[in-house]
Amino acid sequence: MAEARYYDIRHVSGQVTHIDIDNGVIESAGTSFFDKAVVRALGETGWGVIAIDNFSGRSQAVIETVLQDALRLARATEEKVSLADAPSRILPVPAPALDPRDVSLEEKQAMLAGIEAAAKVPGVTSTRGRYTEEINSVRFEDASGHEYTYEITRCGFSVLAVARKGGFLQMGRESEHTIRGLNLAHREEMGRTAGERAVALLDAATVRGGTMDAVLDPELAGVFAHEAIGHASEGDIIKEGGSVIGGRIGEQIGNAVLTIVDDPTMPEFGFEPVDAEGVAVARTEIIKNGVLTSFLHNRETLAAVGGGAAGHARGVAGDPPIVRMSNTFIENGDATADEVIEACGTGILLRGSRGGQVDPGRGVFQFNAEYGYLVRDGELRDLVRDVSLTGEILATLHTIELCADDRRMHQGFCGKSGQSVPVSDGSPHVLLRSAVVGGHGAA
């Protein structure tokens, strides 16, 4: 296109199915369809971006007009944008074992109802189940002649159980999401686990907050990897000066046992066969043996900041791509989980996640665990509740002393700039020395 330094078109169409069951009652169930495209043109300075609904069937003449409109918007921008060169390649998408489109909505409702009903163990007063499914058909083309098409399916179940004793409430949650298609295997165990945990937490002890050695389970340690390191390594945040690890490439910022990775090629919930700019995806070691080795980039932030490779641009249907994580995790060590707990001696094991907050600019975080166990003489003791982990990102990286060999991944969605994308994060069990643990009551 004349006068455009670059342009691309990313067209995403597909369908979303959701089912919600609240206390045995189906609140909503149905499928909706979408057909959106985002057109970007890079002018002499910056971007012009246009989003289009109902893109399918548009003639080439209409598309060319849209590109010209995007270029006119680009001329009005003042920020000078450069794009780094990057390889372009697409990976095959893992075929789902069972395409969820081959299973009726009624069958899916029955599966979800079974999970939700199983959570109603004695002591549980409220339950909620959800099924989500999204199928995206993606077509990409750019000014360099790169063209890709692929389809990807994501689906999964989640269940919440609430137990009550008097006016006191506790919750248990379980979820499982995948790109590998619908699993028709018996799922009631997911519901029972959520319900039994909620009931057990009603009688769990509380702990007095303080500094102690702590073991993080794969879910909570994965949240730390995603929230505290993954976001801090995103190239747009680095470019804006909003990250405590900005300008530290090549520095030893953590213990030598620690390697943290973002890998879009893994067949996990955050898998992408090619990024949203048509750039090849690859495993990126953010931290390797404690040394900061790479940031996560799109082509624009790589040109502006350096330190890493492009391939981490993602965008939801109809929105421009931004720098995002995919599958982010702490790499396995060579200890067993039992050895990590034994090495803890006296302290606490923190399990699960109930959210939290992180400030990558100030380099501080606070995460709430779902529950925990006291550790005495290297063995698990009392179940505890209302526990949290607080600290400084850089200091905590140095206190991770031991990593087990039992990495597990957990699936979810990550929000940024109004866009929510599927991700997974994980870790083996890890040991933190002198962690700041929050709680109430006496140990």
Protein backbone atom coordinates (compact mmCIF):
# COMPACT_ATOMS: atom_id res chain seq x y z
CA MET A 1 0.00 0.00 0.00
CA ALA A 2 1.43 3.35 -1.02
CA GLU A 3 2.90 5.45 1.80
CA ALA A 4 2.50 2.72 4.42
CA ARG A 5 5.75 1.46 5.91
CA TYR A 6 3.89 -1.65 7.04
CA TYR A 7 0.37 -2.96 7.43
CA ASP A 8 -1.33 -6.09 8.69
CA ILE A 9 -4.83 -7.53 8.93
CA ARG A 10 -5.83 -10.01 11.63
CA HIS A 11 -9.27 -11.51 11.15
CA VAL A 12 -10.76 -13.69 13.90
CA SER A 13 -14.14 -15.39 13.68
CA GLY A 14 -15.66 -18.10 15.79
CA GLN A 15 -18.05 -18.94 18.57
CA VAL A 16 -18.30 -18.79 22.36
CA THR A 17 -20.36 -21.20 24.44
CA HIS A 18 -21.06 -20.72 28.12
CA ILE A 19 -23.13 -22.55 30.71
CA ASP A 20 -23.69 -21.32 34.27
CA ILE A 21 -25.32 -23.41 37.00
CA ASP A 22 -26.07 -21.85 40.39
CA ASN A 23 -27.23 -24.19 43.17
CA GLY A 24 -28.54 -26.72 40.67
CA VAL A 25 -30.36 -24.18 38.52
CA ILE A 26 -29.15 -23.44 34.97
CA GLU A 27 -28.89 -19.64 34.91
CA SER A 28 -27.66 -19.34 31.35
CA ALA A 29 -26.60 -21.57 28.48
CA GLY A 30 -25.98 -20.73 24.87
CA THR A 31 -23.62 -20.04 22.01
CA SER A 32 -22.80 -16.70 20.41
CA PHE A 33 -20.84 -15.98 17.26
CA PHE A 34 -18.34 -13.27 16.36
CA ASP A 35 -16.54 -12.08 13.22
CA LYS A 36 -14.02 -9.30 13.79
CA ALA A 37 -10.88 -7.90 12.26
CA VAL A 38 -8.30 -5.33 13.23
CA VAL A 39 -6.45 -3.45 10.49
CA ARG A 40 -3.19 -1.64 11.26
CA ALA A 41 -1.18 0.67 9.03
CA LEU A 42 2.17 2.18 9.99
CA GLY A 43 2.68 5.60 8.49
CA GLU A 44 5.66 7.91 8.54
CA THR A 45 5.38 8.16 12.33
CA GLY A 46 2.97 5.85 14.14
CA TRP A 47 0.00 3.53 13.83
CA GLY A 48 -3.46 3.93 12.44
CA VAL A 49 -5.78 1.19 13.69
CA ILE A 50 -9.34 0.33 12.61
CA ALA A 51 -11.53 -2.43 14.05
CA ILE A 52 -14.25 -3.95 11.87
CA ASP A 53 -17.22 -6.16 12.80
CA ASN A 54 -18.69 -8.68 10.34
CA PHE A 55 -15.49 -8.75 8.31
CA SER A 56 -16.15 -11.95 6.38
CA GLY A 57 -17.12 -11.40 2.77
CA ARG A 58 -15.67 -7.90 2.49
CA SER A 59 -14.41 -7.26 -1.01
CA GLN A 60 -10.79 -6.45 -1.74
CA ALA A 61 -11.86 -2.94 -2.73
CA VAL A 62 -13.46 -2.40 0.68
CA ILE A 63 -10.38 -3.76 2.44
CA GLU A 64 -8.15 -1.42 0.45
CA THR A 65 -10.37 1.51 1.48
CA VAL A 66 -10.08 0.50 5.13
CA LEU A 67 -6.29 0.34 4.79
CA GLN A 68 -6.25 3.84 3.34
CA ASP A 69 -8.42 5.07 6.22
CA ALA A 70 -6.01 3.48 8.70
CA LEU A 71 -3.11 5.21 6.98
CA ARG A 72 -4.88 8.57 7.26
CA LEU A 73 -5.22 7.97 11.00
CA ALA A 74 -1.54 7.07 11.16
CA ARG A 75 -0.58 10.43 9.68
CA ALA A 76 -2.19 12.13 12.68
CA THR A 77 0.05 10.32 15.19
CA GLU A 78 3.19 11.95 16.54
CA GLU A 79 5.10 9.14 18.28
CA LYS A 80 7.79 7.69 16.03
CA VAL A 81 7.45 3.92 15.80
CA SER A 82 10.08 1.49 14.57
CA LEU A 83 9.66 -2.25 14.05
CA ALA A 84 12.41 -4.78 14.65
CA ASP A 85 12.95 -7.53 12.11
CA ALA A 86 11.61 -10.88 13.26
CA PRO A 87 11.24 -14.36 11.76
CA SER A 88 7.79 -15.44 10.60
CA ARG A 89 6.66 -19.04 10.99
CA ILE A 90 3.57 -20.96 12.15
CA LEU A 91 3.44 -24.13 14.27
CA PRO A 92 0.82 -26.85 13.87
CA VAL A 93 -2.09 -26.59 16.32
CA PRO A 94 -2.59 -29.73 18.45
CA ALA A 95 -5.74 -31.49 17.29
CA PRO A 96 -8.41 -31.78 20.01
CA ALA A 97 -9.11 -35.33 21.10
CA LEU A 98 -12.82 -34.52 20.91
CA ASP A 99 -14.10 -31.40 19.18
CA PRO A 100 -16.60 -29.84 21.62
CA ARG A 101 -18.78 -28.92 18.65
CA ASP A 102 -19.50 -32.65 18.35
CA VAL A 103 -21.04 -32.68 21.84
CA SER A 104 -24.50 -31.21 22.29
CA LEU A 105 -25.23 -28.33 24.64
CA GLU A 106 -27.46 -30.68 26.65
CA GLU A 107 -24.59 -33.14 27.17
CA LYS A 108 -22.31 -30.34 28.32
CA GLN A 109 -24.98 -29.14 30.73
CA ALA A 110 -25.26 -32.66 32.16
CA MET A 111 -21.48 -32.87 32.64
CA LEU A 112 -21.39 -29.52 34.42
CA ALA A 113 -24.41 -30.42 36.54
CA GLY A 114 -22.62 -33.58 37.68
CA ILE A 115 -19.54 -31.60 38.75
CA GLU A 116 -21.62 -28.97 40.55
CA ALA A 117 -23.80 -31.56 42.31
CA ALA A 118 -20.71 -33.45 43.52
CA ALA A 119 -19.56 -30.29 45.32
CA LYS A 120 -22.64 -30.41 47.57
CA VAL A 121 -21.00 -32.46 50.31
CA PRO A 122 -22.41 -32.12 53.87
CA GLY A 123 -21.63 -28.64 55.18
CA VAL A 124 -21.68 -26.94 51.76
CA THR A 125 -24.50 -24.43 51.44
CA SER A 126 -23.90 -22.96 48.01
CA THR A 127 -22.36 -24.15 44.74
CA ARG A 128 -21.71 -22.71 41.32
CA GLY A 129 -20.42 -24.34 38.14
CA ARG A 130 -19.32 -22.88 34.85
CA TYR A 131 -18.42 -24.27 31.44
CA THR A 132 -16.68 -22.08 28.87
CA GLU A 133 -15.73 -22.85 25.30
CA GLU A 134 -14.23 -20.66 22.58
CA ILE A 135 -13.31 -21.60 19.04
CA ASN A 136 -11.23 -19.12 17.08
CA SER A 137 -10.58 -19.24 13.33
CA VAL A 138 -7.71 -16.84 12.63
CA ARG A 139 -6.46 -15.41 9.34
CA PHE A 140 -3.44 -13.10 9.22
CA GLU A 141 -1.75 -11.25 6.38
CA ASP A 142 0.79 -8.43 6.28
CA ALA A 143 2.72 -6.14 3.97
CA SER A 144 5.62 -8.61 3.81
CA GLY A 145 3.47 -11.26 2.16
CA HIS A 146 3.07 -13.45 5.22
CA GLU A 147 -0.28 -15.23 5.36
CA TYR A 148 -1.44 -17.67 8.03
CA THR A 149 -4.69 -19.40 8.88
CA TYR A 150 -5.43 -21.66 11.81
CA GLU A 151 -8.18 -22.74 14.18
CA ILE A 152 -7.81 -23.25 17.92
CA THR A 153 -10.28 -24.60 20.47
CA ARG A 154 -10.25 -23.87 24.19
CA CYS A 155 -12.73 -25.19 26.73
CA GLY A 156 -13.01 -26.08 30.39
CA PHE A 157 -14.96 -26.42 33.62
CA SER A 158 -14.80 -24.62 36.96
CA VAL A 159 -16.66 -25.14 40.23
CA LEU A 160 -17.02 -23.11 43.42
CA ALA A 161 -18.31 -24.45 46.75
CA VAL A 162 -19.17 -22.34 49.80
CA ALA A 163 -19.42 -23.91 53.24
CA ARG A 164 -21.04 -22.22 56.23
CA LYS A 165 -20.86 -22.67 59.99
CA GLY A 166 -22.99 -20.09 61.74
CA GLY A 167 -22.06 -16.81 60.08
CA PHE A 168 -18.61 -18.06 59.05
CA LEU A 169 -17.97 -18.88 55.36
CA GLN A 170 -15.16 -20.67 53.53
CA MET A 171 -14.74 -21.45 49.84
CA GLY A 172 -13.19 -24.18 47.73
CA ARG A 173 -12.46 -23.82 44.03
CA GLU A 174 -11.38 -26.20 41.28
CA SER A 175 -10.99 -25.66 37.54
CA GLU A 176 -9.53 -27.27 34.45
CA HIS A 177 -9.17 -25.73 30.98
CA THR A 178 -7.41 -27.05 27.91
CA ILE A 179 -6.72 -26.73 24.17
CA ARG A 180 -6.96 -30.50 23.76
CA GLY A 181 -10.73 -30.69 23.36
CA LEU A 182 -13.56 -31.88 25.56
CA ASN A 183 -12.76 -34.60 28.07
CA LEU A 184 -15.76 -36.87 28.71
CA ALA A 185 -14.04 -38.66 31.58
CA HIS A 186 -15.70 -38.76 35.00
CA ARG A 187 -15.35 -35.22 36.44
CA GLU A 188 -17.27 -35.40 39.71
CA GLU A 189 -13.99 -35.60 41.65
CA MET A 190 -13.38 -31.94 40.80
CA GLY A 191 -16.60 -30.97 42.54
CA ARG A 192 -16.01 -33.18 45.58
CA THR A 193 -12.52 -31.75 46.05
CA ALA A 194 -13.86 -28.18 46.05
CA GLY A 195 -16.65 -29.03 48.48
CA GLU A 196 -14.51 -31.01 50.91
CA ARG A 197 -11.88 -28.28 51.01
CA ALA A 198 -14.47 -25.60 51.79
CA VAL A 199 -15.80 -27.67 54.69
CA ALA A 200 -12.32 -28.50 56.02
CA LEU A 201 -11.36 -24.82 56.06
CA LEU A 202 -14.23 -24.06 58.46
CA ASP A 203 -12.23 -25.76 61.21
CA ALA A 204 -8.75 -24.79 60.00
CA ALA A 205 -6.43 -22.94 62.34
CA THR A 206 -5.12 -19.43 61.77
CA VAL A 207 -1.49 -18.40 62.01
CA ARG A 208 0.28 -15.39 63.40
CA GLY A 209 1.92 -13.45 60.59
CA GLY A 210 5.65 -13.01 60.54
CA THR A 211 8.90 -13.97 58.85
CA MET A 212 9.33 -17.71 58.33
CA ASP A 213 10.53 -20.25 55.80
CA ALA A 214 7.80 -21.11 53.31
CA VAL A 215 7.12 -23.70 50.65
CA LEU A 216 4.96 -22.53 47.74
CA ASP A 217 2.93 -25.13 45.87
CA PRO A 218 2.94 -25.19 42.02
CA GLU A 219 -0.16 -22.98 41.78
CA LEU A 220 0.96 -20.16 44.08
CA ALA A 221 4.57 -20.25 42.84
CA GLY A 222 3.19 -20.11 39.28
CA VAL A 223 1.15 -17.03 40.20
CA PHE A 224 4.35 -15.45 41.52
CA ALA A 225 6.16 -16.26 38.25
CA HIS A 226 3.32 -14.76 36.19
CA GLU A 227 2.44 -11.70 38.24
CA ALA A 228 5.75 -10.64 39.75
CA ILE A 229 8.17 -11.60 36.95
CA GLY A 230 6.10 -12.12 33.80
CA HIS A 231 4.40 -8.72 33.87
CA ALA A 232 7.60 -6.99 34.97
CA SER A 233 9.36 -8.42 31.89
CA GLU A 234 6.80 -7.24 29.30
CA GLY A 235 8.46 -4.93 26.82
CA ASP A 236 5.81 -2.20 26.89
CA ILE A 237 6.09 -1.93 30.67
CA ILE A 238 9.89 -1.87 30.36
CA LYS A 239 9.64 0.85 27.69
CA GLU A 240 7.41 2.99 29.94
CA GLY A 241 9.88 2.69 32.84
CA GLY A 242 7.33 0.79 34.92
CA SER A 243 9.40 -2.27 35.86
CA VAL A 244 11.88 -2.90 38.66
CA ILE A 245 13.89 -5.19 36.33
CA GLY A 246 14.24 -2.65 33.51
CA GLY A 247 17.85 -2.15 32.41
CA ARG A 248 19.08 -5.23 34.29
CA ILE A 249 19.67 -7.68 31.42
CA GLY A 250 22.74 -9.77 32.25
CA GLU A 251 22.50 -9.16 36.00
CA GLN A 252 22.21 -11.88 38.63
CA ILE A 253 18.81 -11.00 40.09
CA GLY A 254 17.97 -14.33 41.72
CA ASN A 255 19.33 -17.54 43.16
CA ALA A 256 21.20 -19.74 40.66
CA VAL A 257 18.59 -22.51 41.14
CA LEU A 258 15.94 -20.30 39.54
CA THR A 259 14.92 -20.35 35.86
CA ILE A 260 11.67 -18.65 34.78
CA VAL A 261 10.31 -19.21 31.27
CA ASP A 262 7.52 -18.00 29.01
CA ASP A 263 6.78 -20.51 26.25
CA PRO A 264 3.93 -20.03 23.73
CA THR A 265 4.90 -23.29 21.99
CA MET A 266 3.80 -25.48 24.93
CA PRO A 267 0.49 -27.29 24.25
CA GLU A 268 -1.03 -25.59 27.29
CA PHE A 269 -3.92 -23.14 27.63
CA GLY A 270 -1.76 -20.18 26.53
CA PHE A 271 -0.49 -21.90 23.37
CA GLU A 272 -0.16 -19.77 20.23
CA PRO A 273 1.04 -21.23 16.89
CA VAL A 274 2.20 -17.79 15.73
CA ASP A 275 1.92 -14.43 17.44
CA ALA A 276 -0.60 -11.74 16.52
CA GLU A 277 1.97 -9.95 14.33
CA GLY A 278 2.78 -13.09 12.34
CA VAL A 279 6.05 -13.54 14.23
CA ALA A 280 7.39 -16.99 15.08
CA VAL A 281 6.89 -18.01 18.73
CA ALA A 282 9.60 -19.65 20.81
CA ARG A 283 10.54 -20.55 24.37
CA THR A 284 11.92 -17.46 26.12
CA GLU A 285 14.00 -17.81 29.26
CA ILE A 286 13.32 -14.60 31.19
CA ILE A 287 15.63 -15.66 34.01
CA LYS A 288 18.20 -18.43 33.55
CA ASN A 289 20.06 -19.73 36.59
CA GLY A 290 19.23 -16.49 38.40
CA VAL A 291 20.44 -14.20 35.59
CA LEU A 292 17.97 -11.90 33.81
CA THR A 293 18.39 -12.90 30.17
CA SER A 294 15.36 -11.65 28.23
CA PHE A 295 12.29 -9.44 28.17
CA LEU A 296 9.05 -10.32 26.35
CA HIS A 297 8.51 -8.26 23.21
CA ASN A 298 6.47 -7.41 20.18
CA ARG A 299 8.30 -5.94 17.19
CA GLU A 300 7.81 -2.36 18.36
CA THR A 301 9.05 -2.82 21.94
CA LEU A 302 12.00 -4.93 20.77
CA ALA A 303 13.11 -2.06 18.51
CA ALA A 304 12.68 0.44 21.34
CA VAL A 305 14.15 -1.52 24.26
CA GLY A 306 16.09 -4.56 23.05
CA GLY A 307 17.02 -7.47 25.25
CA GLY A 308 15.15 -10.48 23.96
CA ALA A 309 13.12 -11.43 20.90
CA ALA A 310 9.71 -10.62 19.45
CA GLY A 311 6.96 -13.22 19.31
CA HIS A 312 4.90 -12.22 22.35
CA ALA A 313 2.21 -10.08 20.69
CA ARG A 314 -1.33 -11.22 21.42
CA GLY A 315 -4.71 -9.63 20.83
CA VAL A 316 -8.33 -10.63 21.32
CA ALA A 317 -10.65 -10.56 18.32
CA GLY A 318 -11.03 -7.01 17.03
CA ASP A 319 -8.33 -5.45 19.24
CA PRO A 320 -4.75 -4.52 18.32
CA PRO A 321 -1.99 -6.81 19.60
CA ILE A 322 -0.02 -5.92 22.73
CA VAL A 323 2.81 -7.63 24.60
CA ARG A 324 1.42 -10.58 26.57
CA MET A 325 2.49 -13.72 28.36
CA SER A 326 1.41 -17.22 27.30
CA ASN A 327 2.60 -20.17 29.41
CA THR A 328 4.80 -18.83 32.21
CA PHE A 329 6.52 -21.05 34.72
CA ILE A 330 9.42 -21.76 37.07
CA GLU A 331 11.50 -24.58 35.64
CA ASN A 332 11.94 -27.86 37.48
CA GLY A 333 14.82 -28.41 39.86
CA ASP A 334 16.24 -31.74 40.94
CA ALA A 335 14.69 -32.20 44.40
CA THR A 336 11.47 -34.03 45.21
CA ALA A 337 8.52 -32.22 46.78
CA ASP A 338 9.07 -34.19 49.98
CA GLU A 339 12.71 -33.08 50.07
CA VAL A 340 11.65 -29.45 49.68
CA ILE A 341 9.23 -29.74 52.62
CA GLU A 342 11.86 -31.56 54.68
CA ALA A 343 14.39 -28.81 53.92
CA CYS A 344 11.87 -26.22 55.13
CA GLY A 345 12.19 -27.67 58.64
CA THR A 346 9.81 -25.40 60.52
CA GLY A 347 7.62 -23.01 58.57
CA ILE A 348 4.55 -23.16 56.34
CA LEU A 349 3.35 -24.65 53.06
CA LEU A 350 1.13 -22.28 51.08
CA ARG A 351 -1.29 -23.75 48.53
CA GLY A 352 -3.53 -22.32 45.87
CA SER A 353 -4.31 -18.71 45.05
CA ARG A 354 -7.08 -16.29 45.91
CA GLY A 355 -5.62 -13.38 44.00
CA GLY A 356 -3.53 -10.48 45.17
CA GLN A 357 -1.71 -7.52 43.75
CA VAL A 358 1.68 -6.61 42.36
CA ASP A 359 3.38 -3.31 41.53
CA PRO A 360 6.13 -4.10 38.98
CA GLY A 361 7.41 -0.52 39.14
CA ARG A 362 7.96 -0.47 42.89
CA GLY A 363 8.83 -4.15 42.84
CA VAL A 364 6.45 -5.29 45.59
CA PHE A 365 3.72 -7.95 45.72
CA GLN A 366 1.07 -9.46 47.98
CA PHE A 367 -0.63 -12.78 47.16
CA ASN A 368 -3.36 -14.59 49.10
CA ALA A 369 -3.04 -18.35 49.37
CA GLU A 370 -6.19 -20.48 49.33
CA TYR A 371 -4.97 -22.42 52.37
CA GLY A 372 -1.82 -23.90 53.87
CA TYR A 373 -0.23 -26.36 56.27
CA LEU A 374 2.15 -25.71 59.12
CA VAL A 375 5.48 -27.45 58.71
CA ARG A 376 7.26 -28.79 61.79
CA ASP A 377 10.40 -30.94 61.76
CA GLY A 378 10.12 -31.25 57.98
CA GLU A 379 6.60 -32.69 58.05
CA LEU A 380 3.16 -31.27 57.24
CA ARG A 381 1.02 -30.57 60.31
CA ASP A 382 -2.14 -28.49 60.86
CA LEU A 383 -4.34 -27.14 58.07
CA VAL A 384 -4.42 -23.32 58.19
CA ARG A 385 -6.44 -20.59 56.47
CA ASP A 386 -6.32 -16.84 55.83
CA VAL A 387 -2.64 -16.79 54.89
CA SER A 388 -0.78 -14.57 52.44
CA LEU A 389 2.68 -13.92 51.05
CA THR A 390 4.16 -10.42 50.85
CA GLY A 391 7.54 -9.23 49.67
CA GLU A 392 9.85 -7.41 47.31
CA ILE A 393 10.28 -9.07 43.93
CA LEU A 394 14.07 -8.82 43.72
CA ALA A 395 14.67 -9.85 47.32
CA THR A 396 12.34 -12.84 46.95
CA LEU A 397 14.15 -14.09 43.83
CA HIS A 398 17.30 -14.48 45.92
CA THR A 399 15.51 -16.34 48.73
CA ILE A 400 14.22 -19.14 46.46
CA GLU A 401 16.64 -21.77 47.66
CA LEU A 402 15.28 -25.06 46.32
CA CYS A 403 13.05 -26.17 43.44
CA ALA A 404 11.38 -29.56 43.23
CA ASP A 405 10.93 -31.67 40.08
CA ASP A 406 7.10 -31.74 40.05
CA ARG A 407 6.08 -28.75 37.93
CA ARG A 408 2.36 -28.47 37.27
CA MET A 409 0.54 -25.91 35.13
CA HIS A 410 -2.71 -24.13 36.04
CA GLN A 411 -4.97 -22.40 33.54
CA GLY A 412 -6.68 -19.05 33.66
CA PHE A 413 -7.17 -15.70 31.98
CA CYS A 414 -4.94 -12.61 32.19
CA GLY A 415 -6.31 -9.11 31.82
CA LYS A 416 -4.34 -6.16 30.47
CA SER A 417 -5.39 -2.98 28.66
CA GLY A 418 -8.98 -4.18 28.51
CA GLN A 419 -8.06 -7.49 26.84
CA SER A 420 -8.36 -10.88 28.53
CA VAL A 421 -6.37 -13.76 27.02
CA PRO A 422 -6.04 -17.43 28.03
CA VAL A 423 -2.79 -18.24 29.83
CA SER A 424 -1.30 -20.90 32.02
CA ASP A 425 1.29 -20.61 34.73
CA GLY A 426 3.03 -23.11 36.93
CA SER A 427 6.00 -24.23 38.93
CA PRO A 428 7.33 -27.07 40.99
CA HIS A 429 7.20 -26.77 44.78
CA VAL A 430 9.76 -24.13 45.77
CA LEU A 431 11.35 -23.21 49.10
CA LEU A 432 11.63 -19.57 50.19
CA ARG A 433 13.80 -18.64 53.12
CA SER A 434 12.65 -15.86 55.47
CA ALA A 435 9.38 -15.20 53.66
CA VAL A 436 6.93 -12.62 55.00
CA VAL A 437 3.71 -14.54 55.69
CA GLY A 438 0.52 -12.77 56.72
CA GLY A 439 -2.15 -14.31 58.96
CA HIS A 440 -4.27 -13.89 62.06
CA GLY A 441 -4.21 -15.53 65.44
CA ALA A 442 -1.56 -17.73 67.02
CA ALA A 443 0.45 -20.47 65.36
